N, C-alpha and C. Protein backbone atom coordinates (compact mmCIF):
# COMPACT_ATOMS: atom_id res chain seq x y z
N MET A 1 15.99 -40.29 -36.44
CA MET A 1 15.45 -38.99 -36.10
C MET A 1 16.63 -38.07 -35.73
N SER A 2 16.57 -36.87 -36.22
CA SER A 2 17.69 -35.96 -35.94
C SER A 2 17.62 -35.46 -34.50
N ARG A 3 18.73 -35.00 -34.05
CA ARG A 3 18.84 -34.51 -32.68
C ARG A 3 17.92 -33.30 -32.44
N ARG A 4 17.79 -32.44 -33.43
CA ARG A 4 16.94 -31.25 -33.30
C ARG A 4 15.47 -31.65 -33.11
N ILE A 5 15.01 -32.62 -33.84
CA ILE A 5 13.62 -33.08 -33.70
C ILE A 5 13.41 -33.71 -32.33
N GLN A 6 14.38 -34.45 -31.85
CA GLN A 6 14.28 -35.04 -30.51
C GLN A 6 14.15 -33.96 -29.44
N ILE A 7 14.93 -32.91 -29.56
CA ILE A 7 14.87 -31.82 -28.58
C ILE A 7 13.49 -31.15 -28.63
N TYR A 8 12.98 -30.90 -29.85
CA TYR A 8 11.65 -30.29 -29.96
C TYR A 8 10.57 -31.18 -29.36
N LEU A 9 10.65 -32.48 -29.57
CA LEU A 9 9.66 -33.41 -29.01
C LEU A 9 9.73 -33.42 -27.48
N ILE A 10 10.93 -33.37 -26.94
CA ILE A 10 11.08 -33.33 -25.49
C ILE A 10 10.50 -32.03 -24.93
N LEU A 11 10.76 -30.92 -25.58
CA LEU A 11 10.20 -29.64 -25.14
C LEU A 11 8.68 -29.63 -25.21
N ILE A 12 8.12 -30.15 -26.29
CA ILE A 12 6.66 -30.20 -26.42
C ILE A 12 6.06 -31.11 -25.35
N ALA A 13 6.68 -32.26 -25.13
CA ALA A 13 6.18 -33.17 -24.09
C ALA A 13 6.24 -32.53 -22.71
N THR A 14 7.29 -31.78 -22.45
CA THR A 14 7.43 -31.11 -21.16
C THR A 14 6.34 -30.08 -20.97
N VAL A 15 6.05 -29.27 -22.00
CA VAL A 15 5.02 -28.25 -21.90
C VAL A 15 3.64 -28.89 -21.72
N VAL A 16 3.36 -29.97 -22.46
CA VAL A 16 2.07 -30.64 -22.34
C VAL A 16 1.92 -31.26 -20.94
N LEU A 17 2.95 -31.88 -20.44
CA LEU A 17 2.89 -32.48 -19.11
C LEU A 17 2.73 -31.41 -18.03
N ALA A 18 3.47 -30.33 -18.15
CA ALA A 18 3.33 -29.23 -17.18
C ALA A 18 1.93 -28.63 -17.23
N GLY A 19 1.37 -28.46 -18.41
CA GLY A 19 0.01 -27.94 -18.55
C GLY A 19 -1.01 -28.88 -17.92
N ALA A 20 -0.83 -30.16 -18.12
CA ALA A 20 -1.76 -31.13 -17.53
C ALA A 20 -1.69 -31.08 -16.01
N TRP A 21 -0.50 -31.02 -15.46
CA TRP A 21 -0.37 -30.95 -14.01
C TRP A 21 -0.94 -29.65 -13.47
N ARG A 22 -0.86 -28.58 -14.25
CA ARG A 22 -1.33 -27.28 -13.78
C ARG A 22 -2.85 -27.14 -13.87
N PHE A 23 -3.45 -27.64 -14.93
CA PHE A 23 -4.86 -27.33 -15.19
C PHE A 23 -5.84 -28.48 -14.93
N VAL A 24 -5.38 -29.66 -14.70
CA VAL A 24 -6.29 -30.78 -14.46
C VAL A 24 -6.50 -30.95 -12.96
N GLY A 25 -7.74 -31.03 -12.54
CA GLY A 25 -8.06 -31.29 -11.15
C GLY A 25 -8.05 -30.10 -10.23
N ILE A 26 -8.06 -28.90 -10.77
CA ILE A 26 -8.11 -27.71 -9.92
C ILE A 26 -9.51 -27.60 -9.35
N ASN A 27 -9.60 -27.44 -8.06
CA ASN A 27 -10.90 -27.38 -7.42
C ASN A 27 -10.90 -26.29 -6.36
N TRP A 28 -10.69 -25.04 -6.77
CA TRP A 28 -10.71 -23.94 -5.81
C TRP A 28 -12.12 -23.77 -5.30
N ASP A 29 -12.32 -23.92 -4.04
CA ASP A 29 -13.62 -23.70 -3.40
C ASP A 29 -14.75 -24.50 -4.05
N ARG A 30 -14.44 -25.71 -4.42
CA ARG A 30 -15.44 -26.62 -5.04
C ARG A 30 -16.12 -25.98 -6.24
N TYR A 31 -15.34 -25.34 -7.05
CA TYR A 31 -15.78 -24.71 -8.30
C TYR A 31 -16.80 -23.60 -8.08
N GLY A 32 -16.89 -23.08 -6.88
CA GLY A 32 -17.88 -22.05 -6.60
C GLY A 32 -17.33 -20.64 -6.66
N LEU A 33 -16.06 -20.47 -6.34
CA LEU A 33 -15.49 -19.13 -6.27
C LEU A 33 -14.19 -19.08 -7.07
N ASN A 34 -13.59 -17.91 -7.07
CA ASN A 34 -12.34 -17.70 -7.79
C ASN A 34 -11.15 -18.26 -7.03
N HIS A 35 -10.03 -18.23 -7.70
CA HIS A 35 -8.75 -18.56 -7.10
C HIS A 35 -8.50 -17.59 -5.94
N PRO A 36 -7.85 -18.01 -4.87
CA PRO A 36 -7.62 -17.12 -3.72
C PRO A 36 -6.92 -15.80 -4.09
N ASP A 37 -5.98 -15.83 -5.02
CA ASP A 37 -5.32 -14.59 -5.45
C ASP A 37 -6.30 -13.66 -6.14
N GLU A 38 -7.16 -14.21 -6.97
CA GLU A 38 -8.17 -13.39 -7.66
C GLU A 38 -9.16 -12.79 -6.67
N ARG A 39 -9.54 -13.55 -5.66
CA ARG A 39 -10.44 -13.02 -4.63
C ARG A 39 -9.80 -11.86 -3.89
N TYR A 40 -8.50 -12.00 -3.57
CA TYR A 40 -7.80 -10.95 -2.85
C TYR A 40 -7.73 -9.67 -3.69
N VAL A 41 -7.37 -9.80 -4.96
CA VAL A 41 -7.30 -8.63 -5.84
C VAL A 41 -8.68 -8.00 -5.96
N GLY A 42 -9.72 -8.81 -6.04
CA GLY A 42 -11.08 -8.28 -6.12
C GLY A 42 -11.49 -7.53 -4.87
N SER A 43 -11.11 -8.05 -3.71
CA SER A 43 -11.49 -7.36 -2.47
C SER A 43 -10.72 -6.05 -2.31
N VAL A 44 -9.48 -6.03 -2.75
CA VAL A 44 -8.68 -4.80 -2.66
C VAL A 44 -9.22 -3.76 -3.63
N THR A 45 -9.47 -4.16 -4.86
CA THR A 45 -9.92 -3.19 -5.85
C THR A 45 -11.32 -2.66 -5.56
N SER A 46 -12.11 -3.38 -4.80
CA SER A 46 -13.44 -2.87 -4.46
C SER A 46 -13.36 -1.68 -3.50
N GLU A 47 -12.23 -1.53 -2.80
CA GLU A 47 -12.05 -0.42 -1.86
C GLU A 47 -11.32 0.77 -2.48
N LEU A 48 -10.83 0.62 -3.68
CA LEU A 48 -10.06 1.69 -4.31
C LEU A 48 -10.95 2.88 -4.64
N GLY A 49 -10.38 4.05 -4.57
CA GLY A 49 -11.10 5.27 -4.88
C GLY A 49 -11.78 5.90 -3.68
N ASN A 50 -11.84 5.20 -2.57
CA ASN A 50 -12.46 5.72 -1.36
C ASN A 50 -11.44 6.56 -0.59
N LYS A 51 -11.58 7.86 -0.65
CA LYS A 51 -10.61 8.76 -0.02
C LYS A 51 -10.65 8.68 1.50
N ASP A 52 -11.73 8.15 2.06
CA ASP A 52 -11.81 8.00 3.51
C ASP A 52 -10.84 6.94 4.03
N LEU A 53 -10.37 6.06 3.15
CA LEU A 53 -9.47 4.99 3.55
C LEU A 53 -8.00 5.32 3.31
N LEU A 54 -7.71 6.54 2.83
CA LEU A 54 -6.31 6.91 2.61
C LEU A 54 -5.54 6.89 3.92
N LEU A 55 -4.33 6.40 3.87
CA LEU A 55 -3.48 6.38 5.06
C LEU A 55 -3.12 7.80 5.47
N PRO A 56 -2.95 8.05 6.77
CA PRO A 56 -2.59 9.40 7.23
C PRO A 56 -1.30 9.92 6.61
N ARG A 57 -0.31 9.06 6.43
CA ARG A 57 0.96 9.51 5.84
C ARG A 57 0.76 9.98 4.40
N VAL A 58 -0.17 9.37 3.69
CA VAL A 58 -0.47 9.78 2.32
C VAL A 58 -1.19 11.12 2.32
N GLN A 59 -2.13 11.28 3.22
CA GLN A 59 -2.86 12.55 3.32
C GLN A 59 -1.92 13.70 3.66
N GLU A 60 -0.96 13.45 4.55
CA GLU A 60 -0.02 14.50 4.96
C GLU A 60 0.90 14.92 3.82
N ARG A 61 1.45 13.95 3.11
CA ARG A 61 2.42 14.30 2.08
C ARG A 61 1.78 14.86 0.81
N CYS A 62 0.48 14.71 0.69
CA CYS A 62 -0.18 15.15 -0.53
C CYS A 62 -1.07 16.38 -0.34
N THR A 63 -0.96 17.05 0.79
CA THR A 63 -1.81 18.22 1.03
C THR A 63 -1.49 19.36 0.08
N ASP A 64 -0.23 19.54 -0.29
CA ASP A 64 0.13 20.64 -1.17
C ASP A 64 0.45 20.18 -2.59
N ASP A 65 0.08 18.98 -2.94
CA ASP A 65 0.31 18.45 -4.29
C ASP A 65 -0.65 19.12 -5.27
N GLU A 66 -0.16 19.43 -6.46
CA GLU A 66 -0.98 20.11 -7.47
C GLU A 66 -2.16 19.26 -7.93
N ASN A 67 -1.93 17.98 -8.11
CA ASN A 67 -2.95 17.10 -8.66
C ASN A 67 -3.04 15.82 -7.82
N PRO A 68 -3.56 15.89 -6.59
CA PRO A 68 -3.56 14.71 -5.72
C PRO A 68 -4.49 13.60 -6.19
N ASP A 69 -5.48 13.94 -7.01
CA ASP A 69 -6.43 12.92 -7.46
C ASP A 69 -6.10 12.39 -8.84
N GLY A 70 -4.95 12.76 -9.37
CA GLY A 70 -4.58 12.32 -10.72
C GLY A 70 -4.48 10.81 -10.81
N PHE A 71 -4.92 10.27 -11.91
CA PHE A 71 -4.94 8.81 -12.09
C PHE A 71 -3.55 8.21 -11.99
N PHE A 72 -2.57 8.84 -12.61
CA PHE A 72 -1.22 8.29 -12.61
C PHE A 72 -0.33 8.90 -11.53
N ASN A 73 -0.89 9.65 -10.62
CA ASN A 73 -0.15 10.18 -9.48
C ASN A 73 -0.18 9.11 -8.38
N THR A 74 0.62 8.07 -8.55
CA THR A 74 0.56 6.92 -7.65
C THR A 74 0.99 7.27 -6.23
N ARG A 75 1.67 8.37 -6.07
CA ARG A 75 2.13 8.79 -4.74
C ARG A 75 0.97 9.23 -3.86
N CYS A 76 -0.08 9.79 -4.46
CA CYS A 76 -1.16 10.40 -3.69
C CYS A 76 -2.55 9.83 -3.95
N THR A 77 -2.75 9.16 -5.05
CA THR A 77 -4.10 8.79 -5.45
C THR A 77 -4.70 7.69 -4.58
N ALA A 78 -6.00 7.73 -4.44
CA ALA A 78 -6.73 6.68 -3.72
C ALA A 78 -6.94 5.46 -4.60
N LEU A 79 -6.44 5.50 -5.82
CA LEU A 79 -6.54 4.35 -6.72
C LEU A 79 -5.32 3.45 -6.64
N ASN A 80 -4.35 3.81 -5.80
CA ASN A 80 -3.17 2.97 -5.59
C ASN A 80 -3.42 2.10 -4.36
N PRO A 81 -3.39 0.78 -4.49
CA PRO A 81 -3.68 -0.11 -3.36
C PRO A 81 -2.77 0.10 -2.16
N VAL A 82 -1.56 0.56 -2.38
CA VAL A 82 -0.62 0.76 -1.28
C VAL A 82 -1.01 1.97 -0.43
N ASN A 83 -1.77 2.91 -0.99
CA ASN A 83 -2.16 4.12 -0.26
C ASN A 83 -3.43 3.92 0.57
N ILE A 84 -4.09 2.80 0.41
CA ILE A 84 -5.37 2.55 1.08
C ILE A 84 -5.12 1.70 2.33
N SER A 85 -5.79 2.02 3.42
CA SER A 85 -5.65 1.28 4.66
C SER A 85 -6.44 -0.03 4.59
N SER A 86 -5.86 -1.10 5.11
CA SER A 86 -6.58 -2.37 5.15
C SER A 86 -7.55 -2.42 6.31
N ASP A 87 -7.29 -1.62 7.34
CA ASP A 87 -8.17 -1.55 8.49
C ASP A 87 -8.26 -0.09 8.93
N PRO A 88 -9.34 0.62 8.57
CA PRO A 88 -9.43 2.05 8.86
C PRO A 88 -9.34 2.39 10.34
N SER A 89 -9.74 1.48 11.21
CA SER A 89 -9.69 1.81 12.65
C SER A 89 -8.25 1.87 13.17
N THR A 90 -7.34 1.12 12.57
CA THR A 90 -5.94 1.14 13.01
C THR A 90 -5.01 1.81 12.01
N ASN A 91 -5.53 2.14 10.83
CA ASN A 91 -4.72 2.70 9.75
C ASN A 91 -3.53 1.81 9.41
N GLN A 92 -3.75 0.52 9.45
CA GLN A 92 -2.70 -0.44 9.13
C GLN A 92 -2.46 -0.44 7.62
N GLU A 93 -1.18 -0.45 7.24
CA GLU A 93 -0.84 -0.44 5.82
C GLU A 93 -1.17 -1.79 5.20
N ARG A 94 -1.56 -1.72 3.94
CA ARG A 94 -1.89 -2.92 3.18
C ARG A 94 -0.66 -3.40 2.42
N SER A 95 -0.48 -4.69 2.34
CA SER A 95 0.56 -5.21 1.47
C SER A 95 -0.13 -5.69 0.19
N PHE A 96 0.36 -5.24 -0.92
CA PHE A 96 -0.24 -5.60 -2.21
C PHE A 96 0.90 -5.91 -3.16
N ALA A 97 1.18 -7.18 -3.36
CA ALA A 97 2.37 -7.61 -4.10
C ALA A 97 2.20 -7.53 -5.60
N TYR A 98 1.03 -7.21 -6.10
CA TYR A 98 0.78 -7.28 -7.53
C TYR A 98 1.08 -5.99 -8.26
N GLY A 99 1.36 -4.91 -7.56
CA GLY A 99 1.64 -3.63 -8.21
C GLY A 99 0.36 -2.98 -8.72
N THR A 100 0.52 -1.92 -9.47
CA THR A 100 -0.65 -1.19 -9.96
C THR A 100 -1.10 -1.64 -11.33
N LEU A 101 -0.32 -2.47 -12.01
CA LEU A 101 -0.69 -2.89 -13.38
C LEU A 101 -2.06 -3.58 -13.43
N PRO A 102 -2.37 -4.56 -12.56
CA PRO A 102 -3.69 -5.17 -12.64
C PRO A 102 -4.82 -4.18 -12.41
N VAL A 103 -4.60 -3.22 -11.54
CA VAL A 103 -5.64 -2.22 -11.25
C VAL A 103 -5.82 -1.30 -12.45
N PHE A 104 -4.73 -0.83 -13.02
CA PHE A 104 -4.82 0.08 -14.17
C PHE A 104 -5.38 -0.63 -15.40
N MET A 105 -5.07 -1.91 -15.56
CA MET A 105 -5.59 -2.65 -16.72
C MET A 105 -7.10 -2.84 -16.62
N VAL A 106 -7.58 -3.10 -15.42
CA VAL A 106 -9.02 -3.28 -15.24
C VAL A 106 -9.71 -1.94 -15.38
């Protein structure tokens, strides 16, 4: 067997083994709910668009903006997860590590 074929077989075996370890036996919430990351993204996106949850700093900097509600105006829009408060009573900032791509794609 040539060296090139051996390398390809090792790569294929590695990918198959990694896939088996990744996808076999996953039991998030006893198959009842989504993955924890998916649940978090779902809970965050359910609050998007609510202007009552905008952080005070966002409201202040966007008072004189020409298009504060623009879809791609990530600095001011209520559709950006970073602009929405995680707790309206304290106006605590939300950490959202996934960026706006998942939100815009959905």
